[in-house]
Each structure stands twice: as structure tokens, then as C-alpha cells.
Amino acid sequence: MPLSLNRAQQIVGIYSDIKAEHPEWGEKAIASAMPRCKKGLGIQPRVLRHAKRMVRLAINGGDELSDPIATIRAITDKVVAATPVELPPLRVAQTGDFTLALADLHLCDVDCLWESFYSTILNACDRINELLKIKPKAKKITVLNGGDWISGIGIFPSQVIRNVIQTPHWQALVGAWVLKLVYNLIEEQTGLKVCVYSVKGNHDIIRGSHADLGYWVWGESQRLGLNAHYSQYDLIVNLGTKKLPYNALMIHGSGASDYSPESPKMVRSITRRVLDLNYQRPPSEQIRRIIHGHVHWLNLGGGFTQCGFEIDSLGGWQRNMRVDLGLTSRPTGMALYYIDGGNIRVEAVVPDPKTLHRETADSKLEFRNTKQIADWLIEAVEDMQ
């Protein structure tokens, strides 16, 4: 059976450990002592040589490296060098006059509901323009992105046939380009300055590696001139004012449930997280609300009175083709937060119902997404040139 690069790296790693313990052993002796995929010990020396060759070639066809540890370090350095390392502050002092929370666009997936997402952004802008009539001095809107902006690589076994683009750097480029389109659309429609804060989702990665595609999207968005920030885990944001703070925790989320937005395990997890973050904090810094994605289920204001905070789950923009979950049966949408008379108001912003129905029933959705991603990629590459 042909070796995958992942298996080759495992073999080289095991070889390094055995060589460190028994430096006097030759290649044949080490190969005979290595564990196989099935029960028992020993692999063929030619398999070991082939694995070492594959790992060397992973470094751009680099020079011969006699030290396997140096080979692995070189690969790690290459991955780290391709990943921006600057992190924004965990705590955001104030989001602005309006805050729009969204999540789970899943760009580059064949079932991405882009037109429904776009219609929701327009509906959010229309509602903000209505509120601007009574809040004419408003200047800023913050967009909170709850993760899974792109589809990612290797998240589940069959994803390779669901990704329009399987190459990670092109996915990241498309993600940054679409973020720019949304950013500019909100600015043009409302006249407000836009700031984006994103957290990492479980799809914003290359599974099996340390590469963080969310970082890559953020790095490209910096090149495009966007006021954008990124957090690898979660983010504390003040939805209120400096005098009247109202802190919320933005997190991607985890787990699944077929009868409620949050699974019991997720409720326990975020409860512990908030209690830890609130411990010995003054009232002005206490978290009072959770905003999360992941579950693709719009539900605002789920209360947990015993802990003193509320939970908002955001809708997803990926057509659900799993029959056991019922073909996009979960409500989708975004959350709009604003200050009204010293209180925080939250409103659901939903897509145009005709657009959502048409997209979820579209037998050519995969073709339309493929064409749209190709158009965006061409535009982004031409902009780079």
C-alpha cells in the first residue's frame, strides 16, 4: 500500500526515537523494531527508506538530511514561517454603536448558501439605517465572526469531494477576498466605519497539522487593508459603553444536539469557561452573555439564570444534506446588538425567505458555488498583481 505523507512522518518520528535510545543500531535493526499498522513489530527497511525520502521531499525537495530530527524541525519551521504570529488582545474595550454577529459561512464548500448570507447582510444594513434615524451620531459597527469562515482541509473523510478548492492557501485567499466584499458592502450601505473580530472555528484549520487557516485569512485581510483582528480561541467584547459595560464572550462552540442549539456538554464547557473568566473580576469586567456559532442554529437569549448570563447561538450558511438532521431544518440568521437607552438590545436578522428557499432547493447549487469561487479567486489574484 502506498504511504501517505502523514504515515511517513510517523515512521520517521518513531525512527528518531529508537535511534536516540539505541544510537548503535543500524537502519535494518531499527526497521525490525518499529511497530506496524497491524499487530506486531517490524517493517521492511525499504519502507523506512521510502518514508525518509518522502519526508525530505516535503521540504521543497531540499538537500539530503542525515538527521531525521533536523528533517522534522525543518518541516515545522516551514509551517510556522507561513503562519502570522501576532495576536490581538483577548479583551475588546468597546465594540461600537452597533455589533453584528455571524458565523459558519463555510466558503469553498459545495453547499455554501452565499446568496442567503448576502441577503441577510443587506437586511442587517437596512435595519441599521432605520436605527440611524434615532441614533444619527453613530460612527462605528463591529462585525463578530464566530469562525468556520472557510471550509478547511481534512475536517472529515469525505471532505475532499465537497471542497470546491482543496488547496489551503487558495481557500485563505478567497476567504480574505469575500471578507473584503462584506466589509465594503456594510460601509457603503450604512456609511459607518467597520471593524472585524474573528475567532477560530473547527473548520479554520488543516486537520492533522499545526497550520491555522484563520491566521492565513487574517494575514491576507491585513494586506487588503481591512481593520480586522483574529483570536485563536475566544474573545471578550464590551457590547455597551465604557460607563455602562456589557461584556460578552465570543466563542466558536462545540458538540451537537438534535433537540436544542447547545448540547449538555457544551453548556458545561462554556459555563466553566465563563465562571473561570469572571473569577475575582470587578462587576464592570464580568461576562454576562455568550455568543457562539458551530451549531448552525439561530437562537437568541437562551437563559441560564443560575449562572447569570444568556446564550446566543448563530445560524449557519451551509445547506444541510444529512437526512437524519432534516435538510436545513435549523433556522439561520445573524444577531444585531445595539444600545438603547442604556440597555443592550439584540435582534435576529434573517435571510430573505424566497432566496433561502430557492438556494436550499437548488439542484445546481454545487455548480453555482464552483463558478462563484472561481470568479472570486480570479479577482483576488488579479488584485495581488
Protein backbone atom coordinates (compact mmCIF):
# COMPACT_ATOMS: atom_id res chain seq x y z
CA MET A 1 0.00 0.00 0.00
CA PRO A 2 1.42 3.47 -0.86
CA LEU A 3 2.50 5.59 2.09
CA SER A 4 0.70 8.84 2.91
CA LEU A 5 2.86 11.77 3.99
CA ASN A 6 1.26 11.60 7.43
CA ARG A 7 2.24 7.92 7.83
CA ALA A 8 5.73 8.68 6.51
CA GLN A 9 6.17 11.39 9.14
CA GLN A 10 5.01 8.95 11.85
CA ILE A 11 7.58 6.38 10.70
CA VAL A 12 10.39 8.95 10.69
CA GLY A 13 9.34 10.17 14.15
CA ILE A 14 9.42 6.63 15.56
CA TYR A 15 12.77 6.03 13.82
CA SER A 16 14.16 9.15 15.56
CA ASP A 17 13.00 7.96 18.99
CA ILE A 18 14.54 4.49 18.56
CA LYS A 19 17.76 5.93 17.15
CA ALA A 20 18.07 8.24 20.15
CA GLU A 21 17.74 5.30 22.55
CA HIS A 22 19.97 2.93 20.54
CA PRO A 23 22.46 5.03 18.53
CA GLU A 24 24.49 1.91 17.74
CA TRP A 25 21.61 0.27 15.84
CA GLY A 26 21.62 0.30 12.08
CA GLU A 27 18.69 1.03 9.79
CA LYS A 28 17.75 -2.65 9.39
CA ALA A 29 17.68 -3.27 13.16
CA ILE A 30 15.56 -0.19 13.78
CA ALA A 31 13.13 -1.15 11.00
CA SER A 32 12.62 -4.58 12.55
CA ALA A 33 11.78 -2.99 15.94
CA MET A 34 9.27 -0.46 14.62
CA PRO A 35 5.51 -1.01 15.22
CA ARG A 36 3.35 -1.74 12.19
CA CYS A 37 -0.18 -0.52 11.46
CA LYS A 38 -1.41 -4.00 12.38
CA LYS A 39 -0.37 -6.03 15.42
CA GLY A 40 3.27 -6.98 15.68
CA LEU A 41 6.63 -5.38 15.12
CA GLY A 42 8.87 -4.76 12.13
CA ILE A 43 8.62 -3.02 8.80
CA GLN A 44 10.68 -3.57 5.69
CA PRO A 45 13.88 -1.45 5.55
CA ARG A 46 12.83 -0.27 2.07
CA VAL A 47 9.61 1.13 3.62
CA LEU A 48 11.69 3.08 6.15
CA ARG A 49 13.94 4.42 3.39
CA HIS A 50 10.89 5.41 1.34
CA ALA A 51 9.33 7.21 4.34
CA LYS A 52 12.53 9.17 4.97
CA ARG A 53 12.68 10.12 1.30
CA MET A 54 9.05 11.33 1.34
CA VAL A 55 9.66 13.49 4.41
CA ARG A 56 12.76 15.02 2.80
CA LEU A 57 10.81 15.84 -0.34
CA ALA A 58 8.17 17.60 1.77
CA ILE A 59 10.72 20.36 2.33
CA ASN A 60 10.54 21.64 -1.25
CA GLY A 61 12.77 18.81 -2.42
CA GLY A 62 15.50 20.00 -0.03
CA ASP A 63 19.01 18.67 0.47
CA GLU A 64 19.73 15.28 1.97
CA LEU A 65 19.34 15.42 5.74
CA SER A 66 21.02 12.63 7.64
CA ASP A 67 19.42 13.66 10.95
CA PRO A 68 15.69 12.81 10.96
CA ILE A 69 15.07 15.20 13.87
CA ALA A 70 16.51 18.04 11.80
CA THR A 71 14.18 17.00 8.99
CA ILE A 72 11.09 17.22 11.22
CA ARG A 73 12.23 20.55 12.66
CA ALA A 74 12.72 21.92 9.15
CA ILE A 75 9.14 20.98 8.26
CA THR A 76 7.84 22.58 11.48
CA ASP A 77 9.83 25.75 10.79
CA LYS A 78 8.33 25.90 7.31
CA VAL A 79 4.77 25.69 8.67
CA VAL A 80 5.43 28.25 11.40
CA ALA A 81 7.06 30.65 8.95
CA ALA A 82 3.91 30.57 6.81
CA THR A 83 1.69 31.48 9.79
CA PRO A 84 1.43 35.07 11.13
CA VAL A 85 2.12 35.14 14.84
CA GLU A 86 0.76 38.49 16.10
CA LEU A 87 -2.29 38.05 18.33
CA PRO A 88 -4.84 40.78 19.07
CA PRO A 89 -5.81 41.49 22.69
CA LEU A 90 -8.23 38.99 24.20
CA ARG A 91 -10.42 41.74 25.64
CA VAL A 92 -12.03 44.40 23.39
CA ALA A 93 -12.77 47.61 25.33
CA GLN A 94 -15.82 48.61 23.25
CA THR A 95 -17.27 47.29 20.01
CA GLY A 96 -19.01 50.49 18.87
CA ASP A 97 -22.54 51.72 18.22
CA PHE A 98 -23.66 48.51 16.50
CA THR A 99 -22.39 44.93 16.63
CA LEU A 100 -23.31 42.32 14.02
CA ALA A 101 -22.52 38.73 15.00
CA LEU A 102 -22.35 36.00 12.35
CA ALA A 103 -20.74 32.59 11.93
CA ASP A 104 -20.31 29.44 9.82
CA LEU A 105 -20.29 30.70 6.23
CA HIS A 106 -18.22 27.68 5.09
CA LEU A 107 -16.84 29.31 1.96
CA CYS A 108 -15.48 26.81 -0.58
CA ASP A 109 -17.99 24.14 0.45
CA VAL A 110 -20.27 22.95 -2.36
CA ASP A 111 -23.36 23.67 -0.22
CA CYS A 112 -22.44 27.20 0.91
CA LEU A 113 -25.58 29.40 0.98
CA TRP A 114 -23.85 32.57 -0.21
CA GLU A 115 -26.89 34.35 -1.66
CA SER A 116 -28.88 33.79 1.54
CA PHE A 117 -25.94 35.11 3.57
CA TYR A 118 -25.65 38.14 1.28
CA SER A 119 -29.36 38.91 1.59
CA THR A 120 -29.01 38.81 5.38
CA ILE A 121 -26.16 41.32 5.31
CA LEU A 122 -28.38 43.63 3.24
CA ASN A 123 -31.25 43.16 5.71
CA ALA A 124 -28.89 43.99 8.59
CA CYS A 125 -27.79 47.18 6.80
CA ASP A 126 -31.44 48.16 6.22
CA ARG A 127 -32.19 47.72 9.92
CA ILE A 128 -29.10 49.71 10.92
CA ASN A 129 -30.15 52.54 8.59
CA GLU A 130 -33.54 52.59 10.32
CA LEU A 131 -31.83 52.83 13.72
CA LEU A 132 -29.52 55.58 12.45
CA LYS A 133 -32.57 57.84 12.22
CA ILE A 134 -32.78 57.78 16.02
CA LYS A 135 -29.01 57.37 16.53
CA PRO A 136 -27.62 59.87 13.98
CA LYS A 137 -24.30 60.25 15.81
CA ALA A 138 -23.35 56.58 15.40
CA LYS A 139 -19.99 56.12 13.70
CA LYS A 140 -18.88 52.51 14.01
CA ILE A 141 -20.08 48.94 13.55
CA THR A 142 -18.17 45.88 14.71
CA VAL A 143 -18.61 42.54 12.93
CA LEU A 144 -18.03 39.49 15.13
CA ASN A 145 -17.17 36.41 13.10
CA GLY A 146 -17.72 33.25 15.12
CA GLY A 147 -15.47 31.01 13.00
CA ASP A 148 -15.76 28.49 10.16
CA TRP A 149 -15.49 31.29 7.62
CA ILE A 150 -13.98 28.78 5.18
CA SER A 151 -14.48 25.04 4.83
CA GLY A 152 -10.97 23.93 5.82
CA ILE A 153 -8.95 20.85 4.83
CA GLY A 154 -9.41 17.26 6.02
CA ILE A 155 -12.07 18.01 8.64
CA PHE A 156 -13.93 14.79 7.81
CA PRO A 157 -13.01 11.88 5.50
CA SER A 158 -15.23 12.75 2.51
CA GLN A 159 -14.49 16.49 2.54
CA VAL A 160 -12.16 16.20 -0.43
CA ILE A 161 -15.20 15.71 -2.70
CA ARG A 162 -17.13 18.56 -1.05
CA ASN A 163 -14.47 21.27 -1.25
CA VAL A 164 -14.60 23.49 -4.32
CA ILE A 165 -10.93 24.30 -3.58
CA GLN A 166 -8.76 21.78 -1.77
CA THR A 167 -5.60 23.93 -1.66
CA PRO A 168 -5.35 25.75 1.70
CA HIS A 169 -3.68 28.98 0.57
CA TRP A 170 -6.29 29.50 -2.16
CA GLN A 171 -9.05 28.89 0.37
CA ALA A 172 -7.50 31.52 2.63
CA LEU A 173 -7.20 33.99 -0.24
CA VAL A 174 -10.87 33.51 -1.18
CA GLY A 175 -11.82 33.89 2.48
CA ALA A 176 -10.00 37.22 2.78
CA TRP A 177 -11.41 38.46 -0.53
CA VAL A 178 -15.01 37.71 0.48
CA LEU A 179 -14.40 39.32 3.89
CA LYS A 180 -13.35 42.42 1.98
CA LEU A 181 -16.55 42.30 -0.12
CA VAL A 182 -18.71 42.07 3.03
CA TYR A 183 -16.64 44.77 4.74
CA ASN A 184 -17.04 47.18 1.82
CA LEU A 185 -20.74 46.36 1.41
CA ILE A 186 -21.53 47.28 5.02
CA GLU A 187 -19.50 50.50 4.77
CA GLU A 188 -21.25 51.52 1.53
CA GLN A 189 -24.74 50.65 2.74
CA THR A 190 -24.52 52.28 6.20
CA GLY A 191 -21.77 54.90 5.96
CA LEU A 192 -20.27 53.52 9.21
CA LYS A 193 -16.67 52.53 9.84
CA VAL A 194 -16.29 48.76 10.04
CA CYS A 195 -14.09 46.68 12.33
CA VAL A 196 -13.97 42.86 12.23
CA TYR A 197 -13.06 40.46 15.04
CA SER A 198 -12.85 36.75 14.22
CA VAL A 199 -12.37 33.67 16.37
CA LYS A 200 -11.08 30.32 15.23
CA GLY A 201 -13.60 27.66 14.18
CA ASN A 202 -13.07 23.92 13.96
CA HIS A 203 -13.03 24.22 10.14
CA ASP A 204 -10.43 27.02 10.03
CA ILE A 205 -7.57 24.51 10.02
CA ILE A 206 -5.71 21.87 8.06
CA ARG A 207 -6.53 18.83 10.14
CA GLY A 208 -3.51 16.82 11.22
CA SER A 209 -1.16 19.82 11.12
CA HIS A 210 -0.47 22.96 13.13
CA ALA A 211 -1.49 25.24 10.27
CA ASP A 212 -4.19 27.77 11.21
CA LEU A 213 -6.16 28.87 8.14
CA GLY A 214 -7.91 31.53 10.19
CA TYR A 215 -4.50 33.18 10.61
CA TRP A 216 -3.93 32.98 6.90
CA VAL A 217 -7.27 34.66 6.17
CA TRP A 218 -6.43 37.33 8.74
CA GLY A 219 -2.98 37.88 7.20
CA GLU A 220 -4.48 38.34 3.73
CA SER A 221 -7.13 40.70 5.12
CA GLN A 222 -4.33 42.86 6.54
CA ARG A 223 -2.76 43.05 3.09
CA LEU A 224 -6.14 44.13 1.69
CA GLY A 225 -6.25 47.00 4.18
CA LEU A 226 -9.12 45.80 6.39
CA ASN A 227 -9.44 46.74 10.05
CA ALA A 228 -9.55 43.08 11.06
CA HIS A 229 -8.38 41.13 14.12
CA TYR A 230 -8.12 37.44 15.00
CA SER A 231 -8.16 35.30 18.13
CA GLN A 232 -7.22 31.62 18.15
CA TYR A 233 -9.69 30.71 20.86
CA ASP A 234 -12.22 33.21 22.20
CA LEU A 235 -12.77 36.92 22.61
CA ILE A 236 -14.30 39.13 25.32
CA VAL A 237 -16.12 42.12 23.85
CA ASN A 238 -17.87 45.05 25.51
CA LEU A 239 -21.20 45.50 23.73
CA GLY A 240 -22.02 48.51 25.94
CA THR A 241 -20.12 51.69 26.73
CA LYS A 242 -17.18 52.48 28.98
CA LYS A 243 -19.56 53.88 31.61
CA LEU A 244 -22.14 51.11 31.22
CA PRO A 245 -20.21 47.99 30.13
CA TYR A 246 -21.94 44.83 28.99
CA ASN A 247 -19.38 42.10 28.34
CA ALA A 248 -19.93 39.10 26.10
CA LEU A 249 -17.76 36.09 25.34
CA MET A 250 -17.44 35.26 21.64
CA ILE A 251 -16.51 31.62 21.07
CA HIS A 252 -16.97 29.20 18.18
CA GLY A 253 -18.63 26.40 20.14
CA SER A 254 -18.53 22.62 20.07
CA GLY A 255 -20.62 19.47 20.16
CA ALA A 256 -24.03 18.81 18.65
CA SER A 257 -27.60 18.13 19.70
CA ASP A 258 -30.70 17.19 17.70
CA TYR A 259 -33.18 18.84 20.07
CA SER A 260 -31.51 22.10 21.22
CA PRO A 261 -28.83 24.52 19.97
CA GLU A 262 -26.36 23.64 22.74
CA SER A 263 -25.53 20.13 23.85
CA PRO A 264 -25.29 19.47 27.62
CA LYS A 265 -21.54 19.01 27.22
CA MET A 266 -21.18 22.40 25.55
CA VAL A 267 -23.28 24.08 28.26
CA ARG A 268 -20.98 22.65 30.93
CA SER A 269 -17.90 23.71 28.96
CA ILE A 270 -18.91 27.34 28.41
CA THR A 271 -20.30 27.64 31.95
CA ARG A 272 -16.95 26.61 33.39
CA ARG A 273 -15.16 28.95 30.99
CA VAL A 274 -17.26 31.96 32.00
CA LEU A 275 -17.04 31.21 35.71
CA ASP A 276 -13.25 30.96 35.39
CA LEU A 277 -13.02 34.23 33.47
CA ASN A 278 -15.34 36.04 35.91
CA TYR A 279 -13.48 34.83 38.99
CA GLN A 280 -12.32 37.79 41.12
CA ARG A 281 -13.15 40.23 38.32
CA PRO A 282 -14.89 43.52 39.17
CA PRO A 283 -18.54 43.84 38.03
CA SER A 284 -17.51 46.03 35.10
CA GLU A 285 -15.48 43.13 33.65
CA GLN A 286 -17.93 40.30 34.36
CA ILE A 287 -19.18 38.36 31.32
CA ARG A 288 -22.96 38.43 31.03
CA ARG A 289 -23.57 36.89 27.61
CA ILE A 290 -22.20 34.13 25.37
CA ILE A 291 -22.23 34.39 21.57
CA HIS A 292 -21.29 31.28 19.61
CA GLY A 293 -21.54 29.53 16.26
CA HIS A 294 -20.83 25.91 15.26
CA VAL A 295 -24.36 24.56 15.74
CA HIS A 296 -25.91 26.31 12.68
CA TRP A 297 -29.00 27.10 14.76
CA LEU A 298 -30.18 30.69 15.31
CA ASN A 299 -31.47 31.05 18.86
CA LEU A 300 -31.04 34.30 20.77
CA GLY A 301 -31.37 34.78 24.51
CA GLY A 302 -31.28 31.25 25.85
CA GLY A 303 -31.17 31.91 29.60
CA PHE A 304 -29.09 30.28 32.32
CA THR A 305 -30.32 32.17 35.35
CA GLN A 306 -28.35 30.07 37.83
CA CYS A 307 -25.15 31.44 36.30
CA GLY A 308 -26.49 34.90 35.49
CA PHE A 309 -25.80 35.01 31.75
CA GLU A 310 -27.57 34.42 28.44
CA ILE A 311 -26.52 32.44 25.37
CA ASP A 312 -26.96 33.42 21.72
CA SER A 313 -26.32 30.78 19.07
CA LEU A 314 -25.88 31.90 15.47
CA GLY A 315 -27.19 30.36 12.27
CA GLY A 316 -25.05 28.58 9.68
CA TRP A 317 -24.84 29.12 5.92
CA GLN A 318 -24.30 25.59 4.69
CA ARG A 319 -27.08 23.53 3.18
CA ASN A 320 -27.63 20.52 5.41
CA MET A 321 -27.83 17.40 3.25
CA ARG A 322 -27.82 14.90 6.11
CA VAL A 323 -31.22 13.22 6.01
CA ASP A 324 -31.18 12.38 9.73
CA LEU A 325 -30.98 16.10 10.53
CA GLY A 326 -33.64 17.08 8.04
CA LEU A 327 -32.30 19.06 5.07
CA THR A 328 -31.56 22.51 6.56
CA SER A 329 -34.22 22.24 9.22
CA ARG A 330 -32.42 24.60 11.59
CA PRO A 331 -33.24 28.33 11.48
CA THR A 332 -30.42 30.55 10.25
CA GLY A 333 -29.53 34.19 10.67
CA MET A 334 -27.35 36.72 12.48
CA ALA A 335 -27.58 38.79 15.67
CA LEU A 336 -27.60 42.59 15.76
CA TYR A 337 -26.71 44.29 19.06
CA TYR A 338 -27.10 47.99 19.86
CA ILE A 339 -27.50 50.31 22.83
CA ASP A 340 -30.97 51.68 23.52
CA GLY A 341 -31.45 53.96 26.49
CA GLY A 342 -28.62 52.39 28.44
CA ASN A 343 -29.80 48.83 27.70
CA ILE A 344 -28.42 46.29 25.24
CA ARG A 345 -30.91 45.21 22.61
CA VAL A 346 -30.46 42.13 20.44
CA GLU A 347 -32.42 41.43 17.27
CA ALA A 348 -32.39 38.47 14.91
CA VAL A 349 -31.55 39.29 11.30
CA VAL A 350 -32.73 36.58 8.91
CA PRO A 351 -32.30 36.00 5.16
CA ASP A 352 -34.85 36.78 2.52
CA PRO A 353 -37.18 33.72 2.74
CA LYS A 354 -37.56 33.36 -1.04
CA THR A 355 -33.78 33.42 -1.52
CA LEU A 356 -33.22 30.85 1.23
CA HIS A 357 -35.90 28.52 -0.15
CA ARG A 358 -34.54 28.80 -3.68
CA GLU A 359 -30.95 28.10 -2.62
CA THR A 360 -31.71 25.16 -0.36
CA ALA A 361 -33.79 23.55 -3.13
CA ASP A 362 -31.33 24.35 -5.94
CA SER A 363 -30.11 21.19 -7.69
CA LYS A 364 -27.34 23.26 -9.32
CA LEU A 365 -26.02 24.82 -6.11
CA GLU A 366 -22.68 22.99 -6.39
CA PHE A 367 -22.17 24.34 -9.91
CA ARG A 368 -23.07 27.90 -8.87
CA ASN A 369 -20.69 27.78 -5.90
CA THR A 370 -17.88 26.41 -8.07
CA LYS A 371 -18.33 29.23 -10.58
CA GLN A 372 -18.60 31.88 -7.84
CA ILE A 373 -15.46 30.69 -6.04
CA ALA A 374 -13.58 30.66 -9.36
CA ASP A 375 -14.66 34.26 -10.08
CA TRP A 376 -13.59 35.41 -6.62
CA LEU A 377 -10.26 33.65 -6.88
CA ILE A 378 -9.52 35.29 -10.24
CA GLU A 379 -10.44 38.71 -8.85
CA ALA A 380 -8.24 38.19 -5.78
CA VAL A 381 -5.23 37.03 -7.80
CA GLU A 382 -5.58 39.92 -10.24
CA ASP A 383 -5.73 42.32 -7.28
CA MET A 384 -2.45 40.86 -5.98
CA GLN A 385 -0.78 41.56 -9.31
